[in-house]
Amino acid sequence: MFLVSELLESWKDITPQLMSIFLTTIIICTFCIVYNVKIRNLKEGEELSGFLVLTESFIVSMEGMVVNVMGKKFKHLTPYIMYLFLYIMISSVIALLGFEPLTSSYSVTLAMALVSFFGIYYYGLRYQKHMFFTKFIFNPVEIITQFVPILSLSFRLFGNILAGSIILGLMYGTLIGAQGALFGHASASREIWFGAYSAQFKYFWTGFNFMSVALLPWLHLYFDLFDGLIQSIVFVMLTLSYWANAKNGEHEKSTEPVERENVKKIKVKKIKIKSHVNEIKTKLKNN
């Protein structure tokens, strides 16, 4: 009983982003498990469900993005890029349920940026070898600017998501105060604007916040859905761009032939999706 009471007492010390991390991880794992089960149980010639069609479309688009930036032989990076995209996007979507976006914590975005930063050195040293350090010899300022990707990736994502949360919080506080002033007691309505905020605690109908319900969903659509989607794409593209520059050299063109036109013309067709599903099924059976 003492241990349980200690756990309940320490529950309030858990940061809200930790709960978002937990939920986001569960959602991504559940999504992957369901996809794997459906692929394994899909029979030859069976019609694809809407879930499989959408998932295959997502996989093809992420794979095309990786191939377009890094090259064909780096298709193995697709699962990581998919997870990175889903990690940011889903954390923004669950904010619609009242959870704090995990990217509103700088420690989370910094950890994600550090992984991308270490990837720069990995691909730079693997493909350029000692030539990777020539930029520091000819331009010593590069020793300082090499840390720019960490700041760029972490602060861009953190700043955009946190700014949206702050704006929504201010709008909620403003509308709650306005509702308390307009529909509270006559004496409360005569108070100054900030004093009227306390009226919400005096009158039960102010707890419904119907002004917030009517006006703020449109802002949630932008900050939680649209902005989350944009930030997911930007973070993924910047990560791939940094890795590609480290692999090829910042002033060199990639010598690997990449079918850019074919990647741009990729369309989601039922026949192609079926062939892709059959390949995955064959690999899973062989394993």
Protein backbone atom coordinates (compact mmCIF):
# COMPACT_ATOMS: atom_id res chain seq x y z
CA MET A 1 0.00 0.00 0.00
CA PHE A 2 2.87 2.34 0.80
CA LEU A 3 4.41 1.72 -2.64
CA VAL A 4 1.09 2.38 -4.38
CA SER A 5 0.58 5.61 -2.46
CA GLU A 6 4.10 6.70 -3.41
CA LEU A 7 3.39 5.99 -7.07
CA LEU A 8 0.12 7.91 -6.95
CA GLU A 9 1.84 10.79 -5.19
CA SER A 10 4.66 10.93 -7.74
CA TRP A 11 2.22 10.72 -10.69
CA LYS A 12 1.76 14.49 -10.65
CA ASP A 13 5.51 14.95 -11.21
CA ILE A 14 5.40 13.19 -14.58
CA THR A 15 5.69 15.63 -17.44
CA PRO A 16 2.72 15.70 -19.84
CA GLN A 17 5.04 14.98 -22.77
CA LEU A 18 5.95 11.61 -21.23
CA MET A 19 2.35 10.46 -21.52
CA SER A 20 2.31 11.63 -25.15
CA ILE A 21 5.49 9.65 -25.86
CA PHE A 22 3.90 6.57 -24.32
CA LEU A 23 0.69 6.91 -26.33
CA THR A 24 2.49 7.74 -29.58
CA THR A 25 4.71 4.66 -29.25
CA ILE A 26 1.69 2.42 -28.57
CA ILE A 27 -0.18 3.79 -31.60
CA ILE A 28 2.79 3.30 -33.95
CA CYS A 29 3.46 -0.23 -32.66
CA THR A 30 -0.22 -1.13 -32.98
CA PHE A 31 -0.29 0.24 -36.53
CA CYS A 32 2.74 -1.86 -37.51
CA ILE A 33 1.41 -5.03 -35.88
CA VAL A 34 -2.00 -4.71 -37.56
CA TYR A 35 -0.34 -4.12 -40.94
CA ASN A 36 1.91 -7.16 -40.49
CA VAL A 37 -1.00 -9.40 -39.50
CA LYS A 38 -3.15 -8.26 -42.42
CA ILE A 39 -0.29 -8.79 -44.90
CA ARG A 40 0.40 -12.30 -43.60
CA ASN A 41 -3.27 -13.29 -43.73
CA LEU A 42 -3.90 -11.82 -47.20
CA LYS A 43 -4.73 -14.57 -49.65
CA GLU A 44 -3.70 -14.67 -53.30
CA GLY A 45 -6.13 -12.70 -55.45
CA GLU A 46 -7.98 -11.28 -52.45
CA GLU A 47 -9.13 -7.68 -52.62
CA LEU A 48 -7.05 -5.24 -50.61
CA SER A 49 -8.74 -3.47 -47.74
CA GLY A 50 -8.73 0.30 -47.47
CA PHE A 51 -6.24 0.09 -44.61
CA LEU A 52 -3.73 -1.82 -46.76
CA VAL A 53 -4.18 0.51 -49.72
CA LEU A 54 -3.53 3.59 -47.59
CA THR A 55 -0.60 1.96 -45.83
CA GLU A 56 0.99 0.87 -49.09
CA SER A 57 0.51 4.37 -50.47
CA PHE A 58 2.30 5.77 -47.44
CA ILE A 59 5.15 3.26 -47.75
CA VAL A 60 5.61 3.96 -51.46
CA SER A 61 5.65 7.74 -50.90
CA MET A 62 8.21 7.49 -48.08
CA GLU A 63 10.35 5.11 -50.11
CA GLY A 64 10.19 7.47 -53.08
CA MET A 65 11.32 10.34 -50.87
CA VAL A 66 14.32 8.36 -49.61
CA VAL A 67 15.30 7.20 -53.10
CA ASN A 68 14.89 10.68 -54.53
CA VAL A 69 17.24 12.26 -51.97
CA MET A 70 19.66 9.49 -50.97
CA GLY A 71 19.63 7.03 -53.87
CA LYS A 72 18.29 3.56 -54.63
CA LYS A 73 20.67 1.59 -52.44
CA PHE A 74 19.50 3.51 -49.37
CA LYS A 75 15.96 2.14 -49.49
CA HIS A 76 16.71 0.42 -46.18
CA LEU A 77 16.34 3.83 -44.51
CA THR A 78 12.62 3.86 -45.32
CA PRO A 79 11.45 2.25 -42.01
CA TYR A 80 13.36 4.83 -39.96
CA ILE A 81 12.04 7.72 -42.04
CA MET A 82 8.51 6.34 -41.74
CA TYR A 83 8.86 6.08 -37.97
CA LEU A 84 10.28 9.61 -37.76
CA PHE A 85 7.36 10.96 -39.79
CA LEU A 86 4.74 9.07 -37.77
CA TYR A 87 6.38 9.99 -34.47
CA ILE A 88 5.97 13.71 -35.13
CA MET A 89 2.64 13.50 -36.92
CA ILE A 90 0.83 11.25 -34.44
CA SER A 91 2.06 13.28 -31.48
CA SER A 92 0.40 16.31 -33.06
CA VAL A 93 -2.81 14.43 -33.81
CA ILE A 94 -3.27 13.18 -30.23
CA ALA A 95 -3.10 16.83 -29.13
CA LEU A 96 -6.69 16.98 -30.41
CA LEU A 97 -7.56 14.68 -27.49
CA GLY A 98 -6.09 17.10 -24.98
CA PHE A 99 -2.59 15.64 -24.66
CA GLU A 100 0.50 17.78 -24.82
CA PRO A 101 2.48 17.25 -28.08
CA LEU A 102 5.72 15.48 -27.24
CA THR A 103 7.61 17.83 -29.56
CA SER A 104 6.69 20.74 -27.27
CA SER A 105 9.50 19.46 -25.03
CA TYR A 106 12.94 20.57 -26.21
CA SER A 107 14.60 17.46 -24.79
CA VAL A 108 12.59 15.34 -27.26
CA THR A 109 13.39 17.46 -30.32
CA LEU A 110 17.05 17.71 -29.24
CA ALA A 111 17.31 13.91 -28.99
CA MET A 112 15.81 13.55 -32.47
CA ALA A 113 18.19 16.19 -33.86
CA LEU A 114 21.20 14.45 -32.30
CA VAL A 115 20.34 11.21 -34.10
CA SER A 116 20.25 13.11 -37.39
CA PHE A 117 23.51 14.88 -36.49
CA PHE A 118 25.33 11.62 -35.77
CA GLY A 119 24.03 10.32 -39.10
CA ILE A 120 25.82 13.20 -40.85
CA TYR A 121 29.17 12.03 -39.47
CA TYR A 122 28.36 8.39 -40.17
CA TYR A 123 27.65 8.92 -43.87
CA GLY A 124 30.38 11.54 -44.22
CA LEU A 125 33.10 9.29 -42.78
CA ARG A 126 31.83 6.17 -44.54
CA TYR A 127 31.69 7.63 -48.07
CA GLN A 128 34.11 10.56 -48.00
CA LYS A 129 36.52 9.13 -45.43
CA HIS A 130 39.35 11.57 -44.66
CA MET A 131 38.04 13.99 -47.34
CA PHE A 132 35.17 14.73 -44.99
CA PHE A 133 37.53 16.77 -42.78
CA THR A 134 39.06 18.87 -45.59
CA LYS A 135 36.32 21.47 -45.15
CA PHE A 136 37.63 22.18 -41.65
CA ILE A 137 41.17 22.75 -43.03
CA PHE A 138 40.18 25.17 -45.78
CA ASN A 139 37.48 26.88 -43.74
CA PRO A 140 38.03 26.72 -39.94
CA VAL A 141 34.65 28.42 -39.38
CA GLU A 142 33.11 25.08 -40.33
CA ILE A 143 34.17 23.78 -36.92
CA ILE A 144 31.50 26.02 -35.41
CA THR A 145 28.88 25.81 -38.17
CA GLN A 146 28.92 22.01 -38.13
CA PHE A 147 26.64 22.20 -35.10
CA VAL A 148 24.05 24.27 -36.97
CA PRO A 149 22.01 21.17 -37.97
CA ILE A 150 21.39 20.38 -34.29
CA LEU A 151 20.02 23.86 -33.62
CA SER A 152 18.16 24.03 -36.92
CA LEU A 153 16.38 20.70 -36.53
CA SER A 154 15.63 20.91 -32.82
CA PHE A 155 14.58 24.57 -32.50
CA ARG A 156 12.52 24.63 -35.70
CA LEU A 157 10.37 21.70 -34.62
CA PHE A 158 10.24 22.74 -30.96
CA GLY A 159 9.47 26.39 -31.71
CA ASN A 160 6.67 25.74 -34.18
CA ILE A 161 4.85 23.18 -32.04
CA LEU A 162 5.32 25.13 -28.80
CA ALA A 163 4.15 28.36 -30.43
CA GLY A 164 0.95 26.63 -31.55
CA SER A 165 0.34 25.29 -28.04
CA ILE A 166 0.89 28.73 -26.50
CA ILE A 167 -1.44 30.42 -28.97
CA LEU A 168 -4.17 27.86 -28.33
CA GLY A 169 -3.70 28.22 -24.56
CA LEU A 170 -4.00 31.99 -24.77
CA MET A 171 -7.11 31.70 -26.93
CA TYR A 172 -8.72 29.29 -24.47
CA GLY A 173 -7.96 31.61 -21.56
CA THR A 174 -9.29 34.62 -23.44
CA LEU A 175 -12.53 32.95 -24.48
CA ILE A 176 -13.10 31.49 -21.01
CA GLY A 177 -12.64 34.94 -19.52
CA ALA A 178 -14.95 36.48 -22.12
CA GLN A 179 -17.61 33.88 -21.44
CA GLY A 180 -17.34 34.47 -17.71
CA ALA A 181 -17.73 38.22 -18.24
CA LEU A 182 -20.66 37.95 -20.64
CA PHE A 183 -22.70 35.25 -18.92
CA GLY A 184 -21.66 35.66 -15.33
CA HIS A 185 -23.42 37.63 -12.64
CA ALA A 186 -24.07 41.30 -13.32
CA SER A 187 -21.53 42.30 -10.67
CA ALA A 188 -18.93 40.09 -12.32
CA SER A 189 -19.57 41.67 -15.72
CA ARG A 190 -18.71 45.07 -14.25
CA GLU A 191 -15.25 43.88 -13.25
CA ILE A 192 -12.22 44.60 -15.36
CA TRP A 193 -11.38 42.09 -18.11
CA PHE A 194 -8.86 40.05 -16.17
CA GLY A 195 -10.95 40.07 -13.05
CA ALA A 196 -13.81 38.53 -15.00
CA TYR A 197 -11.74 35.42 -15.55
CA SER A 198 -12.61 34.29 -12.01
CA ALA A 199 -16.30 34.27 -12.92
CA GLN A 200 -15.88 30.88 -14.58
CA PHE A 201 -15.39 29.34 -11.14
CA LYS A 202 -18.59 30.88 -9.73
CA TYR A 203 -21.17 29.90 -12.32
CA PHE A 204 -21.64 26.35 -13.53
CA TRP A 205 -22.59 27.21 -17.14
CA THR A 206 -19.20 28.81 -17.80
CA GLY A 207 -17.64 25.36 -17.53
CA PHE A 208 -19.19 24.38 -20.85
CA ASN A 209 -16.94 26.83 -22.73
CA PHE A 210 -19.24 26.88 -25.76
CA MET A 211 -17.37 29.91 -27.15
CA SER A 212 -14.18 27.84 -27.26
CA VAL A 213 -16.03 24.90 -28.83
CA ALA A 214 -17.42 27.13 -31.57
CA LEU A 215 -14.26 29.03 -32.45
CA LEU A 216 -11.14 27.00 -31.59
CA PRO A 217 -11.58 23.73 -33.56
CA TRP A 218 -10.50 25.61 -36.69
CA LEU A 219 -7.26 26.62 -35.00
CA HIS A 220 -6.76 23.03 -33.84
CA LEU A 221 -7.08 21.87 -37.44
CA TYR A 222 -4.24 24.18 -38.40
CA PHE A 223 -1.87 23.86 -35.43
CA ASP A 224 -2.42 20.17 -34.66
CA LEU A 225 -3.04 18.68 -38.11
CA PHE A 226 -1.71 20.93 -40.87
CA ASP A 227 1.26 22.29 -38.91
CA GLY A 228 2.07 18.80 -37.60
CA LEU A 229 2.06 17.42 -41.15
CA ILE A 230 4.29 20.24 -42.43
CA GLN A 231 6.77 19.87 -39.57
CA SER A 232 6.94 16.09 -40.12
CA ILE A 233 7.79 16.54 -43.80
CA VAL A 234 10.30 19.33 -43.10
CA PHE A 235 12.13 17.36 -40.40
CA VAL A 236 12.33 14.24 -42.57
CA MET A 237 13.49 16.15 -45.66
CA LEU A 238 16.13 18.10 -43.73
CA THR A 239 17.46 14.90 -42.17
CA LEU A 240 17.75 13.22 -45.57
CA SER A 241 19.30 16.35 -47.11
CA TYR A 242 21.97 16.58 -44.41
CA TRP A 243 22.81 12.90 -44.86
CA ALA A 244 22.93 13.20 -48.66
CA ASN A 245 25.25 16.22 -48.46
CA ALA A 246 27.53 14.37 -46.07
CA LYS A 247 27.57 11.33 -48.34
CA ASN A 248 28.21 13.16 -51.63
CA GLY A 249 30.05 16.25 -50.44
CA GLU A 250 28.30 19.59 -50.13
CA HIS A 251 29.56 20.88 -53.49
CA GLU A 252 29.42 17.64 -55.47
CA LYS A 253 26.62 16.18 -57.50
CA SER A 254 25.49 12.70 -56.81
CA THR A 255 27.11 10.24 -59.22
CA GLU A 256 24.50 7.63 -58.54
CA PRO A 257 21.81 7.53 -61.21
CA VAL A 258 18.49 8.30 -59.63
CA GLU A 259 15.34 8.07 -61.64
CA ARG A 260 13.88 11.36 -60.48
CA GLU A 261 11.27 11.56 -63.19
CA ASN A 262 10.04 8.05 -62.48
CA VAL A 263 9.87 8.76 -58.74
CA LYS A 264 7.83 11.91 -59.35
CA LYS A 265 5.41 10.00 -61.59
CA ILE A 266 4.72 7.25 -59.03
CA LYS A 267 1.00 6.72 -58.75
CA VAL A 268 -0.92 4.52 -56.42
CA LYS A 269 -2.44 1.78 -58.60
CA LYS A 270 -4.09 -1.35 -57.43
CA ILE A 271 -1.97 -3.67 -59.56
CA LYS A 272 1.31 -2.19 -58.33
CA ILE A 273 0.15 -2.31 -54.75
CA LYS A 274 -0.78 -5.98 -55.11
CA SER A 275 2.65 -6.85 -56.50
CA HIS A 276 4.29 -4.97 -53.67
CA VAL A 277 2.16 -6.82 -51.12
CA ASN A 278 3.00 -10.18 -52.70
CA GLU A 279 6.72 -9.41 -52.47
CA ILE A 280 6.38 -8.58 -48.80
CA LYS A 281 4.41 -11.76 -48.20
CA THR A 282 7.09 -13.84 -49.93
CA LYS A 283 9.85 -12.27 -47.82
CA LEU A 284 7.89 -12.83 -44.62
CA LYS A 285 7.26 -16.48 -45.51
CA ASN A 286 10.92 -17.04 -46.33
CA ASN A 287 11.93 -15.54 -43.00
